[in-house]
Protein backbone atom coordinates (compact mmCIF):
# COMPACT_ATOMS: atom_id res chain seq x y z
CA UNK A 1 98.57 94.42 112.52
CA UNK A 2 96.07 95.30 115.23
CA UNK A 3 93.07 92.97 115.29
CA UNK A 4 89.92 94.43 116.76
CA UNK A 5 87.11 92.66 118.60
CA UNK A 6 83.57 93.95 118.36
CA UNK A 7 80.36 93.41 120.26
CA UNK A 8 77.01 95.08 120.87
CA UNK A 9 75.08 94.50 117.67
CA UNK A 10 71.60 93.08 117.54
CA UNK A 11 67.99 93.64 116.59
CA UNK A 12 66.29 96.81 117.72
CA UNK A 13 63.05 98.59 116.92
CA UNK A 14 63.05 102.01 115.23
CA UNK A 15 63.83 104.66 117.79
CA UNK A 16 65.82 102.26 119.91
CA UNK A 17 69.46 102.33 120.91
CA UNK A 18 72.50 100.11 120.77
CA UNK A 19 76.05 100.53 121.97
CA UNK A 20 78.82 98.95 119.95
CA UNK A 21 82.17 98.14 121.51
CA UNK A 22 85.57 97.91 119.88
CA UNK A 23 88.55 96.56 121.77
CA UNK A 24 91.94 95.04 121.04
CA UNK A 25 93.48 92.86 123.73
CA UNK A 26 97.24 93.10 123.49
CA UNK A 27 97.18 96.54 121.87
CA UNK A 28 96.87 100.02 123.32
CA UNK A 29 94.01 101.62 121.42
CA UNK A 30 95.00 105.05 122.71
CA UNK A 31 97.72 104.93 120.05
CA UNK A 32 95.22 104.63 117.21
CA UNK A 33 92.55 106.58 115.44
CA UNK A 34 89.40 104.45 115.45
CA UNK A 35 86.91 104.63 112.62
CA UNK A 36 83.44 103.16 112.34
CA UNK A 37 82.04 101.95 109.04
CA UNK A 38 78.86 100.20 107.98
CA UNK A 39 77.69 98.28 104.97
CA UNK A 40 74.07 97.62 104.12
CA UNK A 41 73.09 94.69 101.88
CA UNK A 42 73.82 95.52 98.26
CA UNK A 43 75.43 98.85 99.12
CA UNK A 44 78.96 100.14 99.42
CA UNK A 45 80.68 100.49 102.75
CA UNK A 46 80.43 103.98 104.20
CA UNK A 47 82.21 105.76 107.00
CA UNK A 48 79.96 106.86 109.83
CA UNK A 49 82.29 108.10 112.57
CA UNK A 50 85.85 108.30 113.77
CA UNK A 51 87.74 109.44 116.83
CA UNK A 52 91.33 110.58 117.12
CA UNK A 53 93.87 108.65 119.13
CA UNK A 54 93.77 111.12 121.99
CA UNK A 55 89.98 111.39 121.87
CA UNK A 56 90.03 115.12 121.31
CA UNK A 57 88.52 115.04 117.83
CA UNK A 58 85.40 113.22 116.67
CA UNK A 59 83.70 113.14 113.30
CA UNK A 60 80.31 111.97 112.07
CA UNK A 61 78.67 111.49 108.72
CA UNK A 62 75.67 113.68 108.04
CA UNK A 63 73.35 110.69 108.18
CA UNK A 64 74.22 109.86 111.80
CA UNK A 65 75.17 113.24 113.24
CA UNK A 66 73.13 114.03 116.31
CA UNK A 67 72.15 110.39 116.81
CA UNK A 68 75.49 108.58 117.16
CA UNK A 69 78.25 109.36 119.62
CA UNK A 70 81.75 107.90 119.59
CA UNK A 71 83.78 107.86 122.79
CA UNK A 72 86.83 106.08 124.05
CA UNK A 73 87.56 104.76 127.50
CA UNK A 74 91.27 104.30 127.91
CA UNK A 75 90.83 102.62 131.29
CA UNK A 76 88.92 99.84 129.51
CA UNK A 77 91.01 100.10 126.35
CA UNK A 78 87.72 100.26 124.45
CA UNK A 79 86.05 102.56 121.95
CA UNK A 80 82.27 102.76 121.98
CA UNK A 81 79.77 103.83 119.38
CA UNK A 82 76.53 104.84 121.06
CA UNK A 83 73.70 104.70 118.55
CA UNK A 84 70.44 106.38 119.50
CA UNK A 85 67.17 106.87 117.64
CA UNK A 86 68.06 104.09 115.26
CA UNK A 87 66.18 103.92 111.98
CA UNK A 88 65.72 101.13 109.43
CA UNK A 89 68.25 102.78 107.11
CA UNK A 90 70.88 102.25 109.80
CA UNK A 91 70.65 98.51 109.25
CA UNK A 92 73.89 96.89 108.19
CA UNK A 93 77.11 95.31 109.30
CA UNK A 94 79.15 97.69 111.42
CA UNK A 95 82.93 97.56 111.51
CA UNK A 96 85.47 99.33 113.63
CA UNK A 97 88.91 99.95 112.21
CA UNK A 98 92.22 101.33 113.43
CA UNK A 99 94.98 103.41 111.93
CA UNK A 100 98.08 104.89 113.59
CA UNK A 101 97.47 108.36 112.26
CA UNK A 102 94.96 111.16 111.95
CA UNK A 103 91.23 110.50 111.50
CA UNK A 104 90.02 109.50 108.06
CA UNK A 105 86.71 108.55 106.46
CA UNK A 106 88.44 106.42 103.82
CA UNK A 107 88.42 102.75 104.69
CA UNK A 108 91.54 102.03 102.66
CA UNK A 109 93.54 104.17 105.06
CA UNK A 110 92.80 101.83 107.96
CA UNK A 111 94.93 98.74 108.43
CA UNK A 112 93.27 96.92 111.32
CA UNK A 113 89.67 95.76 111.30
CA UNK A 114 87.13 94.17 113.56
CA UNK A 115 85.08 91.20 112.48
CA UNK A 116 81.92 93.24 112.05
CA UNK A 117 78.66 93.06 113.93
CA UNK A 118 75.13 93.02 112.54
CA UNK A 119 72.78 95.84 113.43
CA UNK A 120 69.18 95.34 112.35
CA UNK A 121 66.56 98.04 112.88
CA UNK A 122 63.05 96.79 112.19
CA UNK A 123 59.59 96.64 113.68
């Protein structure tokens, strides 16, 4: 089971940006589809983005499309989620997840998870 390590969360003002990182020392992330999910307090977890193992295909939820960008850097063995123009409704715990197959927005189809990182957007 691949175990992912995350970083990059924090507190940011509306309109600001953060870049989340997802890595897995000891695993080659180029073999995996990487999904990004978030969960706000009192709400269900939702998929926000995913990227195919070869990086050729990316997907975004309607709520983040045009503001978030997912990329992978195989040289660093890291997948990044660049979040721009953040808004208060983006607040939540963000998770990256891995699966050895095609991209999916369903969390139950991922079998490796990061520990989560808090993103707070507030004035």
